[in-house]
All heavy atoms as atom14 arrays in JSON, in Angstrom:
{
  "sequence": "SDQTADQHLAFVKQFDSRWVGMQFDIGNHWKYGNPADWIKTLDR",
  "atom14_mask": [
    [1, 1, 1, 1, 1, 1, 0, 0, 0, 0, 0, 0, 0, 0],
    [1, 1, 1, 1, 1, 1, 1, 1, 0, 0, 0, 0, 0, 0],
    [1, 1, 1, 1, 1, 1, 1, 1, 1, 0, 0, 0, 0, 0],
    [1, 1, 1, 1, 1, 1, 1, 0, 0, 0, 0, 0, 0, 0],
    [1, 1, 1, 1, 1, 0, 0, 0, 0, 0, 0, 0, 0, 0],
    [1, 1, 1, 1, 1, 1, 1, 1, 0, 0, 0, 0, 0, 0],
    [1, 1, 1, 1, 1, 1, 1, 1, 1, 0, 0, 0, 0, 0],
    [1, 1, 1, 1, 1, 1, 1, 1, 1, 1, 0, 0, 0, 0],
    [1, 1, 1, 1, 1, 1, 1, 1, 0, 0, 0, 0, 0, 0],
    [1, 1, 1, 1, 1, 0, 0, 0, 0, 0, 0, 0, 0, 0],
    [1, 1, 1, 1, 1, 1, 1, 1, 1, 1, 1, 0, 0, 0],
    [1, 1, 1, 1, 1, 1, 1, 0, 0, 0, 0, 0, 0, 0],
    [1, 1, 1, 1, 1, 1, 1, 1, 1, 0, 0, 0, 0, 0],
    [1, 1, 1, 1, 1, 1, 1, 1, 1, 0, 0, 0, 0, 0],
    [1, 1, 1, 1, 1, 1, 1, 1, 1, 1, 1, 0, 0, 0],
    [1, 1, 1, 1, 1, 1, 1, 1, 0, 0, 0, 0, 0, 0],
    [1, 1, 1, 1, 1, 1, 0, 0, 0, 0, 0, 0, 0, 0],
    [1, 1, 1, 1, 1, 1, 1, 1, 1, 1, 1, 0, 0, 0],
    [1, 1, 1, 1, 1, 1, 1, 1, 1, 1, 1, 1, 1, 1],
    [1, 1, 1, 1, 1, 1, 1, 0, 0, 0, 0, 0, 0, 0],
    [1, 1, 1, 1, 0, 0, 0, 0, 0, 0, 0, 0, 0, 0],
    [1, 1, 1, 1, 1, 1, 1, 1, 0, 0, 0, 0, 0, 0],
    [1, 1, 1, 1, 1, 1, 1, 1, 1, 0, 0, 0, 0, 0],
    [1, 1, 1, 1, 1, 1, 1, 1, 1, 1, 1, 0, 0, 0],
    [1, 1, 1, 1, 1, 1, 1, 1, 0, 0, 0, 0, 0, 0],
    [1, 1, 1, 1, 1, 1, 1, 1, 0, 0, 0, 0, 0, 0],
    [1, 1, 1, 1, 0, 0, 0, 0, 0, 0, 0, 0, 0, 0],
    [1, 1, 1, 1, 1, 1, 1, 1, 0, 0, 0, 0, 0, 0],
    [1, 1, 1, 1, 1, 1, 1, 1, 1, 1, 0, 0, 0, 0],
    [1, 1, 1, 1, 1, 1, 1, 1, 1, 1, 1, 1, 1, 1],
    [1, 1, 1, 1, 1, 1, 1, 1, 1, 0, 0, 0, 0, 0],
    [1, 1, 1, 1, 1, 1, 1, 1, 1, 1, 1, 1, 0, 0],
    [1, 1, 1, 1, 0, 0, 0, 0, 0, 0, 0, 0, 0, 0],
    [1, 1, 1, 1, 1, 1, 1, 1, 0, 0, 0, 0, 0, 0],
    [1, 1, 1, 1, 1, 1, 1, 0, 0, 0, 0, 0, 0, 0],
    [1, 1, 1, 1, 1, 0, 0, 0, 0, 0, 0, 0, 0, 0],
    [1, 1, 1, 1, 1, 1, 1, 1, 0, 0, 0, 0, 0, 0],
    [1, 1, 1, 1, 1, 1, 1, 1, 1, 1, 1, 1, 1, 1],
    [1, 1, 1, 1, 1, 1, 1, 1, 0, 0, 0, 0, 0, 0],
    [1, 1, 1, 1, 1, 1, 1, 1, 1, 0, 0, 0, 0, 0],
    [1, 1, 1, 1, 1, 1, 1, 0, 0, 0, 0, 0, 0, 0],
    [1, 1, 1, 1, 1, 1, 1, 1, 0, 0, 0, 0, 0, 0],
    [1, 1, 1, 1, 1, 1, 1, 1, 0, 0, 0, 0, 0, 0],
    [1, 1, 1, 1, 1, 1, 1, 1, 1, 1, 1, 0, 0, 0]
  ],
  "atom14_positions": [
    [[35.07, 96.26, 86.45], [33.76, 95.98, 87.05], [33.58, 96.67, 88.41], [32.66, 96.35, 89.14], [33.58, 94.47, 87.23], [34.59, 93.95, 88.09], [0.0, 0.0, 0.0], [0.0, 0.0, 0.0], [0.0, 0.0, 0.0], [0.0, 0.0, 0.0], [0.0, 0.0, 0.0], [0.0, 0.0, 0.0], [0.0, 0.0, 0.0], [0.0, 0.0, 0.0]],
    [[34.45, 97.62, 88.72], [34.37, 98.31, 90.01], [33.94, 99.76, 89.86], [34.17, 100.59, 90.74], [35.73, 98.24, 90.73], [36.85, 98.87, 89.92], [36.64, 99.16, 88.72], [37.95, 99.07, 90.48], [0.0, 0.0, 0.0], [0.0, 0.0, 0.0], [0.0, 0.0, 0.0], [0.0, 0.0, 0.0], [0.0, 0.0, 0.0], [0.0, 0.0, 0.0]],
    [[33.27, 100.09, 88.74], [32.85, 101.47, 88.51], [31.62, 101.81, 89.33], [30.84, 100.94, 89.72], [32.59, 101.68, 87.02], [33.82, 101.45, 86.15], [33.58, 101.74, 84.68], [33.07, 102.81, 84.31], [33.95, 100.8, 83.82], [0.0, 0.0, 0.0], [0.0, 0.0, 0.0], [0.0, 0.0, 0.0], [0.0, 0.0, 0.0], [0.0, 0.0, 0.0]],
    [[31.44, 103.1, 89.58], [30.32, 103.57, 90.4], [29.34, 104.38, 89.54], [29.61, 104.67, 88.37], [30.82, 104.47, 91.54], [31.29, 105.73, 90.98], [31.96, 103.79, 92.3], [0.0, 0.0, 0.0], [0.0, 0.0, 0.0], [0.0, 0.0, 0.0], [0.0, 0.0, 0.0], [0.0, 0.0, 0.0], [0.0, 0.0, 0.0], [0.0, 0.0, 0.0]],
    [[28.24, 104.77, 90.15], [27.22, 105.58, 89.46], [27.43, 107.07, 89.69], [26.54, 107.87, 89.4], [25.83, 105.17, 89.95], [0.0, 0.0, 0.0], [0.0, 0.0, 0.0], [0.0, 0.0, 0.0], [0.0, 0.0, 0.0], [0.0, 0.0, 0.0], [0.0, 0.0, 0.0], [0.0, 0.0, 0.0], [0.0, 0.0, 0.0], [0.0, 0.0, 0.0]],
    [[28.6, 107.45, 90.19], [28.82, 108.85, 90.57], [28.63, 109.81, 89.39], [28.07, 110.9, 89.56], [30.22, 109.02, 91.14], [30.39, 108.33, 92.49], [29.36, 107.91, 93.07], [31.54, 108.21, 92.97], [0.0, 0.0, 0.0], [0.0, 0.0, 0.0], [0.0, 0.0, 0.0], [0.0, 0.0, 0.0], [0.0, 0.0, 0.0], [0.0, 0.0, 0.0]],
    [[29.09, 109.42, 88.2], [28.96, 110.32, 87.05], [27.5, 110.49, 86.64], [27.07, 111.6, 86.28], [29.78, 109.78, 85.87], [31.28, 109.83, 86.07], [32.02, 109.41, 84.81], [32.03, 110.13, 83.8], [32.63, 108.23, 84.85], [0.0, 0.0, 0.0], [0.0, 0.0, 0.0], [0.0, 0.0, 0.0], [0.0, 0.0, 0.0], [0.0, 0.0, 0.0]],
    [[26.74, 109.41, 86.69], [25.31, 109.51, 86.39], [24.61, 110.41, 87.41], [23.75, 111.22, 87.05], [24.66, 108.13, 86.38], [24.96, 107.34, 85.14], [26.07, 106.53, 85.02], [24.28, 107.22, 83.96], [26.06, 105.96, 83.83], [25.0, 106.35, 83.17], [0.0, 0.0, 0.0], [0.0, 0.0, 0.0], [0.0, 0.0, 0.0], [0.0, 0.0, 0.0]],
    [[24.96, 110.24, 88.67], [24.34, 111.05, 89.72], [24.64, 112.53, 89.5], [23.75, 113.38, 89.59], [24.82, 110.59, 91.09], [24.28, 111.38, 92.28], [22.77, 111.22, 92.39], [24.96, 110.93, 93.57], [0.0, 0.0, 0.0], [0.0, 0.0, 0.0], [0.0, 0.0, 0.0], [0.0, 0.0, 0.0], [0.0, 0.0, 0.0], [0.0, 0.0, 0.0]],
    [[25.9, 112.84, 89.23], [26.28, 114.24, 89.02], [25.55, 114.83, 87.82], [25.14, 116.01, 87.84], [27.79, 114.35, 88.83], [0.0, 0.0, 0.0], [0.0, 0.0, 0.0], [0.0, 0.0, 0.0], [0.0, 0.0, 0.0], [0.0, 0.0, 0.0], [0.0, 0.0, 0.0], [0.0, 0.0, 0.0], [0.0, 0.0, 0.0], [0.0, 0.0, 0.0]],
    [[25.36, 114.01, 86.79], [24.69, 114.51, 85.58], [23.25, 114.91, 85.87], [22.81, 116.0, 85.47], [24.74, 113.45, 84.47], [24.14, 113.9, 83.18], [24.82, 114.77, 82.34], [22.87, 113.47, 82.79], [24.26, 115.2, 81.14], [22.3, 113.9, 81.6], [23.0, 114.76, 80.78], [0.0, 0.0, 0.0], [0.0, 0.0, 0.0], [0.0, 0.0, 0.0]],
    [[22.49, 114.07, 86.54], [21.08, 114.39, 86.78], [20.92, 115.44, 87.89], [19.97, 116.24, 87.85], [20.25, 113.13, 87.08], [20.22, 112.21, 85.88], [20.77, 112.39, 88.31], [0.0, 0.0, 0.0], [0.0, 0.0, 0.0], [0.0, 0.0, 0.0], [0.0, 0.0, 0.0], [0.0, 0.0, 0.0], [0.0, 0.0, 0.0], [0.0, 0.0, 0.0]],
    [[21.84, 115.46, 88.86], [21.73, 116.44, 89.95], [21.98, 117.86, 89.48], [21.45, 118.81, 90.07], [22.7, 116.08, 91.08], [22.25, 114.94, 91.96], [23.19, 114.74, 93.14], [23.09, 115.87, 94.14], [23.89, 115.6, 95.36], [0.0, 0.0, 0.0], [0.0, 0.0, 0.0], [0.0, 0.0, 0.0], [0.0, 0.0, 0.0], [0.0, 0.0, 0.0]],
    [[22.79, 118.03, 88.44], [23.16, 119.37, 88.01], [21.95, 120.21, 87.6], [22.0, 121.44, 87.66], [24.14, 119.3, 86.84], [23.53, 118.77, 85.55], [24.47, 118.83, 84.36], [25.2, 119.81, 84.19], [24.44, 117.8, 83.53], [0.0, 0.0, 0.0], [0.0, 0.0, 0.0], [0.0, 0.0, 0.0], [0.0, 0.0, 0.0], [0.0, 0.0, 0.0]],
    [[20.85, 119.57, 87.21], [19.68, 120.3, 86.75], [18.87, 120.86, 87.91], [18.02, 121.74, 87.71], [18.81, 119.4, 85.87], [19.53, 118.89, 84.65], [20.02, 117.59, 84.61], [19.75, 119.73, 83.57], [20.69, 117.12, 83.5], [20.44, 119.27, 82.45], [20.91, 117.96, 82.42], [0.0, 0.0, 0.0], [0.0, 0.0, 0.0], [0.0, 0.0, 0.0]],
    [[19.1, 120.32, 89.11], [18.4, 120.8, 90.3], [16.9, 120.88, 90.05], [16.24, 121.88, 90.35], [18.94, 122.17, 90.72], [18.46, 122.58, 92.1], [18.16, 121.69, 92.92], [18.38, 123.8, 92.36], [0.0, 0.0, 0.0], [0.0, 0.0, 0.0], [0.0, 0.0, 0.0], [0.0, 0.0, 0.0], [0.0, 0.0, 0.0], [0.0, 0.0, 0.0]],
    [[16.35, 119.81, 89.48], [14.94, 119.8, 89.09], [14.32, 118.46, 89.42], [14.9, 117.41, 89.14], [14.81, 120.08, 87.59], [13.47, 119.88, 87.16], [0.0, 0.0, 0.0], [0.0, 0.0, 0.0], [0.0, 0.0, 0.0], [0.0, 0.0, 0.0], [0.0, 0.0, 0.0], [0.0, 0.0, 0.0], [0.0, 0.0, 0.0], [0.0, 0.0, 0.0]],
    [[13.13, 118.49, 89.95], [12.37, 117.25, 90.2], [11.94, 116.59, 88.91], [11.45, 115.47, 88.92], [11.15, 117.54, 91.07], [10.15, 118.49, 90.44], [8.88, 118.58, 91.23], [8.19, 117.31, 91.32], [6.92, 117.16, 91.71], [6.22, 118.23, 92.05], [6.35, 115.98, 91.77], [0.0, 0.0, 0.0], [0.0, 0.0, 0.0], [0.0, 0.0, 0.0]],
    [[12.12, 117.27, 87.78], [11.65, 116.75, 86.5], [12.75, 116.01, 85.73], [12.53, 115.62, 84.58], [11.07, 117.88, 85.64], [9.93, 118.54, 86.34], [9.93, 119.75, 86.96], [8.63, 117.98, 86.55], [8.71, 119.99, 87.54], [7.89, 118.93, 87.31], [8.01, 116.79, 86.18], [6.57, 118.71, 87.68], [6.7, 116.57, 86.56], [6.0, 117.52, 87.3]],
    [[13.9, 115.81, 86.36], [14.99, 115.04, 85.73], [15.45, 113.97, 86.71], [15.72, 114.25, 87.88], [16.19, 115.94, 85.36], [17.29, 115.1, 84.7], [15.75, 117.06, 84.43], [0.0, 0.0, 0.0], [0.0, 0.0, 0.0], [0.0, 0.0, 0.0], [0.0, 0.0, 0.0], [0.0, 0.0, 0.0], [0.0, 0.0, 0.0], [0.0, 0.0, 0.0]],
    [[15.52, 112.74, 86.23], [15.98, 111.64, 87.07], [16.51, 110.51, 86.21], [16.95, 110.72, 85.07], [0.0, 0.0, 0.0], [0.0, 0.0, 0.0], [0.0, 0.0, 0.0], [0.0, 0.0, 0.0], [0.0, 0.0, 0.0], [0.0, 0.0, 0.0], [0.0, 0.0, 0.0], [0.0, 0.0, 0.0], [0.0, 0.0, 0.0], [0.0, 0.0, 0.0]],
    [[16.45, 109.29, 86.75], [16.97, 108.11, 86.07], [15.88, 107.07, 85.87], [15.01, 106.89, 86.72], [18.09, 107.46, 86.9], [19.34, 108.3, 87.07], [20.35, 108.4, 85.57], [20.78, 106.68, 85.29], [0.0, 0.0, 0.0], [0.0, 0.0, 0.0], [0.0, 0.0, 0.0], [0.0, 0.0, 0.0], [0.0, 0.0, 0.0], [0.0, 0.0, 0.0]],
    [[15.92, 106.39, 84.73], [15.23, 105.13, 84.56], [16.35, 104.1, 84.59], [16.99, 103.83, 83.57], [14.41, 105.05, 83.28], [13.64, 103.74, 83.15], [12.32, 103.88, 82.42], [11.67, 104.92, 82.47], [11.91, 102.84, 81.73], [0.0, 0.0, 0.0], [0.0, 0.0, 0.0], [0.0, 0.0, 0.0], [0.0, 0.0, 0.0], [0.0, 0.0, 0.0]],
    [[16.61, 103.56, 85.76], [17.82, 102.76, 85.98], [17.64, 101.35, 85.47], [16.7, 100.65, 85.87], [18.18, 102.75, 87.47], [19.41, 101.95, 87.77], [20.64, 102.36, 87.29], [19.34, 100.79, 88.51], [21.78, 101.62, 87.55], [20.47, 100.04, 88.78], [21.7, 100.46, 88.29], [0.0, 0.0, 0.0], [0.0, 0.0, 0.0], [0.0, 0.0, 0.0]],
    [[18.54, 100.94, 84.57], [18.52, 99.59, 84.04], [19.43, 98.71, 84.89], [20.65, 98.89, 84.9], [18.97, 99.58, 82.58], [18.73, 98.23, 81.91], [19.2, 97.21, 82.46], [18.1, 98.2, 80.84], [0.0, 0.0, 0.0], [0.0, 0.0, 0.0], [0.0, 0.0, 0.0], [0.0, 0.0, 0.0], [0.0, 0.0, 0.0], [0.0, 0.0, 0.0]],
    [[18.85, 97.76, 85.62], [19.6, 96.96, 86.57], [20.65, 96.1, 85.89], [21.77, 95.95, 86.39], [18.63, 96.08, 87.39], [17.78, 96.96, 88.32], [19.38, 95.04, 88.21], [16.72, 96.2, 89.1], [0.0, 0.0, 0.0], [0.0, 0.0, 0.0], [0.0, 0.0, 0.0], [0.0, 0.0, 0.0], [0.0, 0.0, 0.0], [0.0, 0.0, 0.0]],
    [[20.34, 95.54, 84.71], [21.27, 94.62, 84.07], [22.32, 95.29, 83.2], [23.38, 94.71, 82.96], [0.0, 0.0, 0.0], [0.0, 0.0, 0.0], [0.0, 0.0, 0.0], [0.0, 0.0, 0.0], [0.0, 0.0, 0.0], [0.0, 0.0, 0.0], [0.0, 0.0, 0.0], [0.0, 0.0, 0.0], [0.0, 0.0, 0.0], [0.0, 0.0, 0.0]],
    [[22.06, 96.52, 82.75], [22.93, 97.13, 81.75], [24.38, 97.26, 82.19], [25.29, 97.11, 81.39], [22.39, 98.5, 81.34], [21.59, 98.45, 80.06], [21.54, 97.43, 79.39], [20.93, 99.55, 79.73], [0.0, 0.0, 0.0], [0.0, 0.0, 0.0], [0.0, 0.0, 0.0], [0.0, 0.0, 0.0], [0.0, 0.0, 0.0], [0.0, 0.0, 0.0]],
    [[24.61, 97.62, 83.45], [25.98, 97.9, 83.86], [26.52, 96.89, 84.87], [27.47, 97.17, 85.59], [26.09, 99.33, 84.39], [26.16, 100.35, 83.29], [25.09, 100.62, 82.48], [27.18, 101.11, 82.82], [25.43, 101.53, 81.58], [26.7, 101.83, 81.76], [0.0, 0.0, 0.0], [0.0, 0.0, 0.0], [0.0, 0.0, 0.0], [0.0, 0.0, 0.0]],
    [[25.92, 95.7, 84.9], [26.46, 94.62, 85.73], [27.9, 94.31, 85.33], [28.72, 93.91, 86.15], [25.56, 93.39, 85.61], [26.09, 92.13, 86.24], [26.36, 90.95, 85.59], [26.37, 91.88, 87.62], [26.8, 90.0, 86.48], [26.82, 90.55, 87.74], [26.31, 92.68, 88.77], [27.2, 89.98, 88.95], [26.68, 92.1, 89.98], [27.11, 90.78, 90.06]],
    [[28.23, 94.5, 84.06], [29.6, 94.27, 83.59], [30.57, 95.26, 84.22], [31.75, 94.96, 84.4], [29.66, 94.38, 82.07], [31.06, 94.17, 81.48], [31.04, 94.25, 79.97], [32.46, 94.05, 79.41], [32.47, 94.08, 77.93], [0.0, 0.0, 0.0], [0.0, 0.0, 0.0], [0.0, 0.0, 0.0], [0.0, 0.0, 0.0], [0.0, 0.0, 0.0]],
    [[30.07, 96.44, 84.58], [30.95, 97.54, 84.99], [30.88, 97.88, 86.48], [31.69, 98.67, 86.96], [30.63, 98.79, 84.17], [30.86, 98.6, 82.7], [29.79, 98.42, 81.82], [32.15, 98.57, 82.18], [30.01, 98.24, 80.46], [32.37, 98.39, 80.82], [31.3, 98.22, 79.97], [31.52, 98.03, 78.62], [0.0, 0.0, 0.0], [0.0, 0.0, 0.0]],
    [[29.92, 97.35, 87.19], [29.8, 97.67, 88.6], [28.69, 96.86, 89.25], [28.03, 96.04, 88.6], [0.0, 0.0, 0.0], [0.0, 0.0, 0.0], [0.0, 0.0, 0.0], [0.0, 0.0, 0.0], [0.0, 0.0, 0.0], [0.0, 0.0, 0.0], [0.0, 0.0, 0.0], [0.0, 0.0, 0.0], [0.0, 0.0, 0.0], [0.0, 0.0, 0.0]],
    [[28.48, 97.09, 90.54], [27.43, 96.4, 91.28], [26.16, 97.24, 91.26], [26.12, 98.31, 91.88], [27.88, 96.16, 92.72], [26.87, 95.35, 93.51], [25.71, 95.24, 93.13], [27.32, 94.77, 94.61], [0.0, 0.0, 0.0], [0.0, 0.0, 0.0], [0.0, 0.0, 0.0], [0.0, 0.0, 0.0], [0.0, 0.0, 0.0], [0.0, 0.0, 0.0]],
    [[25.12, 96.79, 90.55], [23.9, 97.6, 90.46], [23.28, 97.91, 91.81], [22.6, 98.93, 91.95], [22.97, 96.73, 89.6], [23.89, 95.9, 88.77], [25.05, 95.59, 89.68], [0.0, 0.0, 0.0], [0.0, 0.0, 0.0], [0.0, 0.0, 0.0], [0.0, 0.0, 0.0], [0.0, 0.0, 0.0], [0.0, 0.0, 0.0], [0.0, 0.0, 0.0]],
    [[23.47, 97.05, 92.81], [22.92, 97.36, 94.14], [23.57, 98.63, 94.69], [22.89, 99.48, 95.28], [23.15, 96.18, 95.09], [0.0, 0.0, 0.0], [0.0, 0.0, 0.0], [0.0, 0.0, 0.0], [0.0, 0.0, 0.0], [0.0, 0.0, 0.0], [0.0, 0.0, 0.0], [0.0, 0.0, 0.0], [0.0, 0.0, 0.0], [0.0, 0.0, 0.0]],
    [[24.88, 98.77, 94.5], [25.57, 99.98, 94.94], [25.12, 101.18, 94.12], [24.97, 102.29, 94.65], [27.08, 99.81, 94.82], [27.64, 98.77, 95.78], [26.98, 98.51, 96.81], [28.72, 98.21, 95.49], [0.0, 0.0, 0.0], [0.0, 0.0, 0.0], [0.0, 0.0, 0.0], [0.0, 0.0, 0.0], [0.0, 0.0, 0.0], [0.0, 0.0, 0.0]],
    [[24.9, 100.97, 92.81], [24.44, 102.07, 91.96], [23.05, 102.53, 92.4], [22.76, 103.72, 92.41], [24.41, 101.62, 90.5], [25.76, 101.54, 89.85], [26.92, 101.08, 90.4], [26.09, 101.93, 88.51], [27.95, 101.14, 89.51], [27.47, 101.66, 88.33], [25.36, 102.45, 87.45], [28.13, 101.93, 87.13], [26.02, 102.72, 86.25], [27.38, 102.46, 86.09]],
    [[22.19, 101.58, 92.78], [20.86, 101.94, 93.27], [20.96, 102.79, 94.52], [20.26, 103.81, 94.67], [20.04, 100.66, 93.54], [19.64, 99.99, 92.22], [18.78, 100.97, 94.36], [19.1, 98.59, 92.38], [0.0, 0.0, 0.0], [0.0, 0.0, 0.0], [0.0, 0.0, 0.0], [0.0, 0.0, 0.0], [0.0, 0.0, 0.0], [0.0, 0.0, 0.0]],
    [[21.85, 102.43, 95.43], [22.01, 103.19, 96.67], [22.56, 104.58, 96.39], [22.2, 105.56, 97.05], [22.93, 102.43, 97.63], [22.33, 101.12, 98.14], [23.34, 100.34, 98.97], [22.78, 99.0, 99.4], [23.78, 98.18, 100.13], [0.0, 0.0, 0.0], [0.0, 0.0, 0.0], [0.0, 0.0, 0.0], [0.0, 0.0, 0.0], [0.0, 0.0, 0.0]],
    [[23.44, 104.68, 95.41], [24.02, 105.98, 95.05], [22.97, 106.89, 94.41], [22.82, 108.06, 94.77], [25.2, 105.8, 94.09], [26.25, 105.08, 94.75], [25.75, 107.14, 93.62], [0.0, 0.0, 0.0], [0.0, 0.0, 0.0], [0.0, 0.0, 0.0], [0.0, 0.0, 0.0], [0.0, 0.0, 0.0], [0.0, 0.0, 0.0], [0.0, 0.0, 0.0]],
    [[22.24, 106.36, 93.45], [21.25, 107.16, 92.71], [20.01, 107.44, 93.55], [19.33, 108.44, 93.33], [20.88, 106.43, 91.42], [22.01, 106.3, 90.4], [21.61, 105.35, 89.28], [22.4, 107.66, 89.83], [0.0, 0.0, 0.0], [0.0, 0.0, 0.0], [0.0, 0.0, 0.0], [0.0, 0.0, 0.0], [0.0, 0.0, 0.0], [0.0, 0.0, 0.0]],
    [[19.67, 106.54, 94.45], [18.65, 106.74, 95.47], [17.36, 107.31, 94.86], [16.81, 106.75, 93.93], [19.22, 107.66, 96.56], [18.41, 107.66, 97.83], [18.07, 106.57, 98.32], [18.12, 108.76, 98.33], [0.0, 0.0, 0.0], [0.0, 0.0, 0.0], [0.0, 0.0, 0.0], [0.0, 0.0, 0.0], [0.0, 0.0, 0.0], [0.0, 0.0, 0.0]],
    [[16.88, 108.42, 95.38], [15.58, 108.95, 94.97], [15.59, 109.51, 93.55], [14.54, 109.89, 93.03], [15.09, 110.01, 95.94], [15.93, 111.27, 95.98], [15.37, 112.3, 96.95], [15.37, 111.79, 98.3], [14.24, 111.59, 99.0], [13.08, 111.84, 98.47], [14.32, 111.15, 100.23], [0.0, 0.0, 0.0], [0.0, 0.0, 0.0], [0.0, 0.0, 0.0]]
  ]
}
């Protein structure tokens, strides 16, 4: 439950495009990490 959103961030950032981002599901990864921290990591 201590996983981060770093892999998701790297995946969407690689496209270097304003047309790719996240529709972040707050509850989906509560089992694997703190969604508040994931929100701060994924940011804009």
